[in-house]
Structures are given as structure tokens and as C-alpha cells.
Amino acid sequence: MKNKGFVFLVINIGNWIVHLAYINVLWFLHSAIGLFILGVFPSTVALFSIIRQRLKHGSVSAVWSTYHKAFKDNFVSSNVVGYLYMGVGIITYVDFKFLQLQDSMIFITLSYSLLIFLLIYGVMGLFLFPMLTHYELKILHYFKYTFIIMVSHPANLLLTIIGLIVIWIVMLFIPGLLLFYGLSIPAYIIMWSNYRVYKKIDMKISEK
């Protein structure tokens, strides 16, 4: 019995290794389909969608067609959310750099305030796209509830960041992993931690 359990564990790990490498390749292929400019955001949402389904059901049948469907279904909304997020970030960063050039204490104080905002806003990006796979909301509500969930679950935020740092360190020592797992493993860590929170929120909503 112990041997069977060990064999099952090895097979399961092997399946995950192949699965993560495959969806990593799918991310690049679908990003290229959208000429990257319009493909990166929907492909990222599709990546999180596949991982969410795997976490929820234990497996995903017809990975290519499921990925492609998620890519098409979220093409418009993910690009709107993605470019809105990026646009606000770029404008804020430009403002921050402008304020850094000023000598007035007021501008210096404002620059530090913007720096804090940029740090929080940057971390928000880790949680924004998983939201698109789990909830159907108005565009601006994705930003609102991403922020609320992020700040109301600091332990989950810390766990996610630690996990990403560990993976980043591992990939620094083994650069070859970047090619096959550079996106899929970080996405899995982010989706796994967020999905746990989503289930708790959904449970509380259903109890009301």
C-alpha cells in the first residue's frame, strides 16, 4: 500500500511538471496570437483560469481548447483591465519621477506618498488578474475588490510574496527553469493563495 501511495505521488508530481510546462508554452503561443500587444493580458487570464480549474476539479480535460476558450472569452475585458492598470501605473510613475526633481519639501513629501502608492499598486497586480477568472464584475470593481481582498488578508499577501521570492531565488540558481516554468509556477502560487481566499469569501456570501 505504501509503495502504491508513493507511485501515485510520483505520477501526480510528474503530471504537474508536464502540465505547468505545457501551459507556460500556451501562454507564449496565445500572447503571440494577439501579437503580444493584445495577447499578453488575455493569455495571462487564461493561464490563471486553467490553474483555477485544476485547483477546483483536480484536472483539466482538453487543456488547449479550454485555454483557448478562456483566452477568447476574456480578450476584451482583460485588455481593458490590463491597459487601464498599466496606464495608471505609468502616469503615477511619471508623476513620481517629476516630483523627485523638485526641491520643495511639499513635493518631496508627495513623492514619498506616490512611492508608497506605487508599491501597493504594484503588488495589486499580483491579485488583479486572478479576480477576472473567479468573479464577473464591472471593470472598476475589479480594482476595488482586489485592493479590499489584498489588504483584508495580509497573511495571504505575505504567503504569496514569500512563495514568489523563493521561486525567484530558485530560478536564479537554475535559469533553465525560466523557459518552461517562468510564468506558470509563479501563476500557480498566486492562484493557489488567492483561490483559498475566494473560497472563504464565497462561503461567507452563501451563508448570508
C-alpha atoms as a PDB file:
ATOM      1  CA  MET A   1       0.000   0.000   0.000  1.00  0.00           C
ATOM      2  CA  LYS A   2       2.834   2.373   0.870  1.00  0.00           C
ATOM      3  CA  ASN A   3       4.505   1.639  -2.476  1.00  0.00           C
ATOM      4  CA  LYS A   4       1.265   2.357  -4.332  1.00  0.00           C
ATOM      5  CA  GLY A   5       0.912   5.636  -2.481  1.00  0.00           C
ATOM      6  CA  PHE A   6       4.469   6.592  -3.367  1.00  0.00           C
ATOM      7  CA  VAL A   7       3.975   5.661  -7.026  1.00  0.00           C
ATOM      8  CA  PHE A   8       0.757   7.705  -7.138  1.00  0.00           C
ATOM      9  CA  LEU A   9       2.597  10.690  -5.611  1.00  0.00           C
ATOM     10  CA  VAL A  10       5.409  10.450  -8.188  1.00  0.00           C
ATOM     11  CA  ILE A  11       2.888  10.210 -11.057  1.00  0.00           C
ATOM     12  CA  ASN A  12       0.936  13.177  -9.701  1.00  0.00           C
ATOM     13  CA  ILE A  13       4.102  15.286  -9.389  1.00  0.00           C
ATOM     14  CA  GLY A  14       5.115  14.250 -12.907  1.00  0.00           C
ATOM     15  CA  ASN A  15       1.713  15.281 -14.251  1.00  0.00           C
ATOM     16  CA  TRP A  16       2.038  18.681 -12.590  1.00  0.00           C
ATOM     17  CA  ILE A  17       5.548  19.163 -14.015  1.00  0.00           C
ATOM     18  CA  VAL A  18       4.321  18.437 -17.549  1.00  0.00           C
ATOM     19  CA  HIS A  19       1.128  20.449 -17.066  1.00  0.00           C
ATOM     20  CA  LEU A  20       2.941  23.563 -15.822  1.00  0.00           C
ATOM     21  CA  ALA A  21       5.457  23.401 -18.669  1.00  0.00           C
ATOM     22  CA  TYR A  22       2.628  22.978 -21.205  1.00  0.00           C
ATOM     23  CA  ILE A  23       0.561  25.943 -20.027  1.00  0.00           C
ATOM     24  CA  ASN A  24       3.735  28.038 -19.883  1.00  0.00           C
ATOM     25  CA  VAL A  25       4.181  27.318 -23.611  1.00  0.00           C
ATOM     26  CA  LEU A  26       0.486  28.076 -24.216  1.00  0.00           C
ATOM     27  CA  TRP A  27       0.955  31.491 -22.620  1.00  0.00           C
ATOM     28  CA  PHE A  28       3.639  32.388 -25.162  1.00  0.00           C
ATOM     29  CA  LEU A  29       1.673  30.967 -28.093  1.00  0.00           C
ATOM     30  CA  HIS A  30      -1.526  32.828 -27.222  1.00  0.00           C
ATOM     31  CA  SER A  31       0.355  36.034 -26.459  1.00  0.00           C
ATOM     32  CA  ALA A  32       1.820  35.742 -29.960  1.00  0.00           C
ATOM     33  CA  ILE A  33      -1.669  35.168 -31.411  1.00  0.00           C
ATOM     34  CA  GLY A  34      -2.593  38.605 -30.080  1.00  0.00           C
ATOM     35  CA  LEU A  35       0.731  39.969 -31.389  1.00  0.00           C
ATOM     36  CA  PHE A  36       1.705  40.373 -27.709  1.00  0.00           C
ATOM     37  CA  ILE A  37       0.249  43.904 -27.624  1.00  0.00           C
ATOM     38  CA  LEU A  38      -3.286  42.477 -27.389  1.00  0.00           C
ATOM     39  CA  GLY A  39      -2.352  38.952 -26.388  1.00  0.00           C
ATOM     40  CA  VAL A  40      -0.436  39.221 -23.115  1.00  0.00           C
ATOM     41  CA  PHE A  41      -3.341  40.155 -20.844  1.00  0.00           C
ATOM     42  CA  PRO A  42      -5.939  37.649 -22.150  1.00  0.00           C
ATOM     43  CA  SER A  43      -3.284  34.929 -22.191  1.00  0.00           C
ATOM     44  CA  THR A  44      -2.409  35.734 -18.579  1.00  0.00           C
ATOM     45  CA  VAL A  45      -6.063  35.474 -17.563  1.00  0.00           C
ATOM     46  CA  ALA A  46      -6.345  32.171 -19.467  1.00  0.00           C
ATOM     47  CA  LEU A  47      -3.266  30.903 -17.612  1.00  0.00           C
ATOM     48  CA  PHE A  48      -4.850  31.709 -14.245  1.00  0.00           C
ATOM     49  CA  SER A  49      -8.148  30.215 -15.439  1.00  0.00           C
ATOM     50  CA  ILE A  50      -6.534  26.867 -16.264  1.00  0.00           C
ATOM     51  CA  ILE A  51      -4.766  26.760 -12.891  1.00  0.00           C
ATOM     52  CA  ARG A  52      -8.007  27.659 -11.107  1.00  0.00           C
ATOM     53  CA  GLN A  53      -9.836  24.817 -12.841  1.00  0.00           C
ATOM     54  CA  ARG A  54      -7.070  22.399 -11.922  1.00  0.00           C
ATOM     55  CA  LEU A  55      -7.225  23.503  -8.284  1.00  0.00           C
ATOM     56  CA  LYS A  56     -11.014  23.264  -8.264  1.00  0.00           C
ATOM     57  CA  HIS A  57     -11.515  19.978 -10.118  1.00  0.00           C
ATOM     58  CA  GLY A  58      -8.151  18.251  -9.758  1.00  0.00           C
ATOM     59  CA  SER A  59      -7.635  18.070 -13.521  1.00  0.00           C
ATOM     60  CA  VAL A  60      -8.414  19.884 -16.754  1.00  0.00           C
ATOM     61  CA  SER A  61      -9.577  17.992 -19.819  1.00  0.00           C
ATOM     62  CA  ALA A  62      -8.666  19.322 -23.268  1.00  0.00           C
ATOM     63  CA  VAL A  63      -6.196  21.886 -21.954  1.00  0.00           C
ATOM     64  CA  TRP A  64      -5.612  23.547 -25.342  1.00  0.00           C
ATOM     65  CA  SER A  65      -9.296  24.127 -26.119  1.00  0.00           C
ATOM     66  CA  THR A  66     -10.031  25.209 -22.525  1.00  0.00           C
ATOM     67  CA  TYR A  67      -7.113  27.640 -22.588  1.00  0.00           C
ATOM     68  CA  HIS A  68      -8.108  28.986 -25.993  1.00  0.00           C
ATOM     69  CA  LYS A  69     -11.744  29.462 -24.912  1.00  0.00           C
ATOM     70  CA  ALA A  70     -10.653  31.371 -21.788  1.00  0.00           C
ATOM     71  CA  PHE A  71      -8.371  33.478 -23.986  1.00  0.00           C
ATOM     72  CA  LYS A  72     -11.232  34.408 -26.338  1.00  0.00           C
ATOM     73  CA  ASP A  73     -13.848  34.901 -23.614  1.00  0.00           C
ATOM     74  CA  ASN A  74     -11.629  37.305 -21.662  1.00  0.00           C
ATOM     75  CA  PHE A  75      -9.973  39.013 -24.632  1.00  0.00           C
ATOM     76  CA  VAL A  76     -11.758  42.359 -24.322  1.00  0.00           C
ATOM     77  CA  SER A  77     -12.194  42.587 -20.544  1.00  0.00           C
ATOM     78  CA  SER A  78      -8.610  41.531 -19.765  1.00  0.00           C
ATOM     79  CA  ASN A  79      -7.149  44.052 -22.201  1.00  0.00           C
ATOM     80  CA  VAL A  80      -9.318  46.846 -20.789  1.00  0.00           C
ATOM     81  CA  VAL A  81      -8.346  45.957 -17.206  1.00  0.00           C
ATOM     82  CA  GLY A  82      -4.716  45.339 -18.136  1.00  0.00           C
ATOM     83  CA  TYR A  83      -4.136  48.551 -20.043  1.00  0.00           C
ATOM     84  CA  LEU A  84      -6.089  50.587 -17.517  1.00  0.00           C
ATOM     85  CA  TYR A  85      -3.891  49.148 -14.764  1.00  0.00           C
ATOM     86  CA  MET A  86      -0.744  49.777 -16.788  1.00  0.00           C
ATOM     87  CA  GLY A  87      -1.833  53.284 -17.795  1.00  0.00           C
ATOM     88  CA  VAL A  88      -2.481  54.385 -14.227  1.00  0.00           C
ATOM     89  CA  GLY A  89       0.841  52.877 -13.179  1.00  0.00           C
ATOM     90  CA  ILE A  90       2.801  54.676 -15.908  1.00  0.00           C
ATOM     91  CA  ILE A  91       1.148  58.046 -15.208  1.00  0.00           C
ATOM     92  CA  THR A  92       1.794  57.691 -11.481  1.00  0.00           C
ATOM     93  CA  TYR A  93       5.423  56.713 -12.092  1.00  0.00           C
ATOM     94  CA  VAL A  94       5.976  59.740 -14.365  1.00  0.00           C
ATOM     95  CA  ASP A  95       4.469  61.974 -11.672  1.00  0.00           C
ATOM     96  CA  PHE A  96       6.742  60.360  -9.102  1.00  0.00           C
ATOM     97  CA  LYS A  97       9.871  60.988 -11.191  1.00  0.00           C
ATOM     98  CA  PHE A  98       8.780  64.578 -11.799  1.00  0.00           C
ATOM     99  CA  LEU A  99       8.288  65.215  -8.082  1.00  0.00           C
ATOM    100  CA  GLN A 100      11.721  63.753  -7.346  1.00  0.00           C
ATOM    101  CA  LEU A 101      13.281  66.538  -9.397  1.00  0.00           C
ATOM    102  CA  GLN A 102      11.701  69.234  -7.243  1.00  0.00           C
ATOM    103  CA  ASP A 103      13.381  70.822  -4.198  1.00  0.00           C
ATOM    104  CA  SER A 104      10.307  71.847  -2.241  1.00  0.00           C
ATOM    105  CA  MET A 105       9.520  69.842   0.902  1.00  0.00           C
ATOM    106  CA  ILE A 106       5.897  69.556  -0.194  1.00  0.00           C
ATOM    107  CA  PHE A 107       6.917  67.903  -3.475  1.00  0.00           C
ATOM    108  CA  ILE A 108       9.376  65.612  -1.680  1.00  0.00           C
ATOM    109  CA  THR A 109       6.612  64.525   0.715  1.00  0.00           C
ATOM    110  CA  LEU A 110       4.271  63.944  -2.217  1.00  0.00           C
ATOM    111  CA  SER A 111       6.939  61.890  -3.985  1.00  0.00           C
ATOM    112  CA  TYR A 112       7.217  59.555  -0.987  1.00  0.00           C
ATOM    113  CA  SER A 113       3.431  59.263  -0.881  1.00  0.00           C
ATOM    114  CA  LEU A 114       3.411  58.304  -4.546  1.00  0.00           C
ATOM    115  CA  LEU A 115       6.207  55.796  -3.943  1.00  0.00           C
ATOM    116  CA  ILE A 116       4.096  54.048  -1.286  1.00  0.00           C
ATOM    117  CA  PHE A 117       1.131  54.098  -3.660  1.00  0.00           C
ATOM    118  CA  LEU A 118       3.259  52.586  -6.452  1.00  0.00           C
ATOM    119  CA  LEU A 119       4.446  49.774  -4.181  1.00  0.00           C
ATOM    120  CA  ILE A 120       0.885  48.933  -3.131  1.00  0.00           C
ATOM    121  CA  TYR A 121      -0.334  49.318  -6.698  1.00  0.00           C
ATOM    122  CA  GLY A 122       2.409  47.035  -7.996  1.00  0.00           C
ATOM    123  CA  VAL A 123       1.514  44.304  -5.517  1.00  0.00           C
ATOM    124  CA  MET A 124      -2.145  44.710  -6.531  1.00  0.00           C
ATOM    125  CA  GLY A 125      -1.175  43.473  -9.973  1.00  0.00           C
ATOM    126  CA  LEU A 126      -0.469  40.041  -8.472  1.00  0.00           C
ATOM    127  CA  PHE A 127      -4.094  39.735  -7.397  1.00  0.00           C
ATOM    128  CA  LEU A 128      -5.904  41.584 -10.178  1.00  0.00           C
ATOM    129  CA  PHE A 129      -5.923  39.008 -12.962  1.00  0.00           C
ATOM    130  CA  PRO A 130      -6.922  36.021 -10.794  1.00  0.00           C
ATOM    131  CA  MET A 131     -10.026  38.056  -9.914  1.00  0.00           C
ATOM    132  CA  LEU A 132     -11.076  38.031 -13.569  1.00  0.00           C
ATOM    133  CA  THR A 133     -11.116  34.229 -13.549  1.00  0.00           C
ATOM    134  CA  HIS A 134     -13.313  33.887 -10.479  1.00  0.00           C
ATOM    135  CA  TYR A 135     -15.744  36.822 -10.464  1.00  0.00           C
ATOM    136  CA  GLU A 136     -17.770  38.667 -13.066  1.00  0.00           C
ATOM    137  CA  LEU A 137     -17.634  42.334 -12.092  1.00  0.00           C
ATOM    138  CA  LYS A 138     -17.699  45.786 -13.607  1.00  0.00           C
ATOM    139  CA  ILE A 139     -14.257  46.911 -14.787  1.00  0.00           C
ATOM    140  CA  LEU A 140     -13.555  49.347 -11.955  1.00  0.00           C
ATOM    141  CA  HIS A 141     -14.878  46.886  -9.373  1.00  0.00           C
ATOM    142  CA  TYR A 142     -12.025  44.518 -10.186  1.00  0.00           C
ATOM    143  CA  PHE A 143      -9.624  47.162  -8.900  1.00  0.00           C
ATOM    144  CA  LYS A 144     -11.791  47.979  -5.887  1.00  0.00           C
ATOM    145  CA  TYR A 145     -12.286  44.416  -4.677  1.00  0.00           C
ATOM    146  CA  THR A 146      -8.736  43.353  -5.492  1.00  0.00           C
ATOM    147  CA  PHE A 147      -7.499  46.063  -3.151  1.00  0.00           C
ATOM    148  CA  ILE A 148     -10.047  45.166  -0.454  1.00  0.00           C
ATOM    149  CA  ILE A 149      -9.184  41.462  -0.555  1.00  0.00           C
ATOM    150  CA  MET A 150      -5.456  42.216  -0.586  1.00  0.00           C
ATOM    151  CA  VAL A 151      -5.453  44.478   2.485  1.00  0.00           C
ATOM    152  CA  SER A 152      -8.022  42.394   4.398  1.00  0.00           C
ATOM    153  CA  HIS A 153      -5.950  39.205   4.073  1.00  0.00           C
ATOM    154  CA  PRO A 154      -2.380  40.266   4.970  1.00  0.00           C
ATOM    155  CA  ALA A 155      -1.323  36.691   5.810  1.00  0.00           C
ATOM    156  CA  ASN A 156      -2.298  35.559   2.322  1.00  0.00           C
ATOM    157  CA  LEU A 157      -0.420  38.510   0.833  1.00  0.00           C
ATOM    158  CA  LEU A 158       2.702  37.673   2.842  1.00  0.00           C
ATOM    159  CA  LEU A 159       2.462  33.973   1.925  1.00  0.00           C
ATOM    160  CA  THR A 160       2.202  34.831  -1.771  1.00  0.00           C
ATOM    161  CA  ILE A 161       5.156  37.214  -1.713  1.00  0.00           C
ATOM    162  CA  ILE A 162       7.343  34.734   0.206  1.00  0.00           C
ATOM    163  CA  GLY A 163       6.436  31.976  -2.251  1.00  0.00           C
ATOM    164  CA  LEU A 164       7.313  34.180  -5.227  1.00  0.00           C
ATOM    165  CA  ILE A 165      10.621  35.229  -3.660  1.00  0.00           C
ATOM    166  CA  VAL A 166      11.572  31.587  -3.052  1.00  0.00           C
ATOM    167  CA  ILE A 167      10.750  30.653  -6.655  1.00  0.00           C
ATOM    168  CA  TRP A 168      12.650  33.680  -7.930  1.00  0.00           C
ATOM    169  CA  ILE A 169      15.750  32.626  -5.938  1.00  0.00           C
ATOM    170  CA  VAL A 170      15.487  29.024  -7.219  1.00  0.00           C
ATOM    171  CA  MET A 171      15.235  30.236 -10.817  1.00  0.00           C
ATOM    172  CA  LEU A 172      18.255  32.482 -10.326  1.00  0.00           C
ATOM    173  CA  PHE A 173      20.277  29.380  -9.481  1.00  0.00           C
ATOM    174  CA  ILE A 174      18.619  27.261 -12.197  1.00  0.00           C
ATOM    175  CA  PRO A 175      17.995  29.683 -15.104  1.00  0.00           C
ATOM    176  CA  GLY A 176      16.818  26.866 -17.368  1.00  0.00           C
ATOM    177  CA  LEU A 177      13.587  26.699 -15.373  1.00  0.00           C
ATOM    178  CA  LEU A 178      12.630  30.164 -16.613  1.00  0.00           C
ATOM    179  CA  LEU A 179      11.964  28.906 -20.130  1.00  0.00           C
ATOM    180  CA  PHE A 180       9.428  26.252 -19.111  1.00  0.00           C
ATOM    181  CA  TYR A 181       8.180  27.463 -15.727  1.00  0.00           C
ATOM    182  CA  GLY A 182       8.982  31.185 -15.531  1.00  0.00           C
ATOM    183  CA  LEU A 183       5.301  32.140 -15.672  1.00  0.00           C
ATOM    184  CA  SER A 184       3.337  29.019 -14.799  1.00  0.00           C
ATOM    185  CA  ILE A 185       4.869  28.342 -11.370  1.00  0.00           C
ATOM    186  CA  PRO A 186       4.541  31.958 -10.110  1.00  0.00           C
ATOM    187  CA  ALA A 187       0.986  31.991 -11.519  1.00  0.00           C
ATOM    188  CA  TYR A 188       0.232  28.756  -9.673  1.00  0.00           C
ATOM    189  CA  ILE A 189       1.488  30.220  -6.371  1.00  0.00           C
ATOM    190  CA  ILE A 190      -0.600  33.368  -6.869  1.00  0.00           C
ATOM    191  CA  MET A 191      -3.735  31.478  -7.924  1.00  0.00           C
ATOM    192  CA  TRP A 192      -3.399  28.879  -5.161  1.00  0.00           C
ATOM    193  CA  SER A 193      -3.173  31.504  -2.423  1.00  0.00           C
ATOM    194  CA  ASN A 194      -5.955  33.629  -3.920  1.00  0.00           C
ATOM    195  CA  TYR A 195      -8.278  30.704  -4.581  1.00  0.00           C
ATOM    196  CA  ARG A 196      -8.146  29.796  -0.897  1.00  0.00           C
ATOM    197  CA  VAL A 197      -9.343  33.314  -0.061  1.00  0.00           C
ATOM    198  CA  TYR A 198     -12.030  33.273  -2.768  1.00  0.00           C
ATOM    199  CA  LYS A 199     -13.491  30.047  -1.393  1.00  0.00           C
ATOM    200  CA  LYS A 200     -13.707  31.548   2.097  1.00  0.00           C
ATOM    201  CA  ILE A 201     -15.397  34.681   0.738  1.00  0.00           C
ATOM    202  CA  ASP A 202     -17.828  32.625  -1.347  1.00  0.00           C
ATOM    203  CA  MET A 203     -18.675  30.513   1.676  1.00  0.00           C
ATOM    204  CA  LYS A 204     -19.444  33.587   3.766  1.00  0.00           C
ATOM    205  CA  ILE A 205     -21.609  35.015   0.971  1.00  0.00           C
ATOM    206  CA  SER A 206     -23.562  31.770   0.628  1.00  0.00           C
ATOM    207  CA  GLU A 207     -24.217  31.663   4.377  1.00  0.00           C
ATOM    208  CA  LYS A 208     -25.926  35.083   4.329  1.00  0.00           C
END
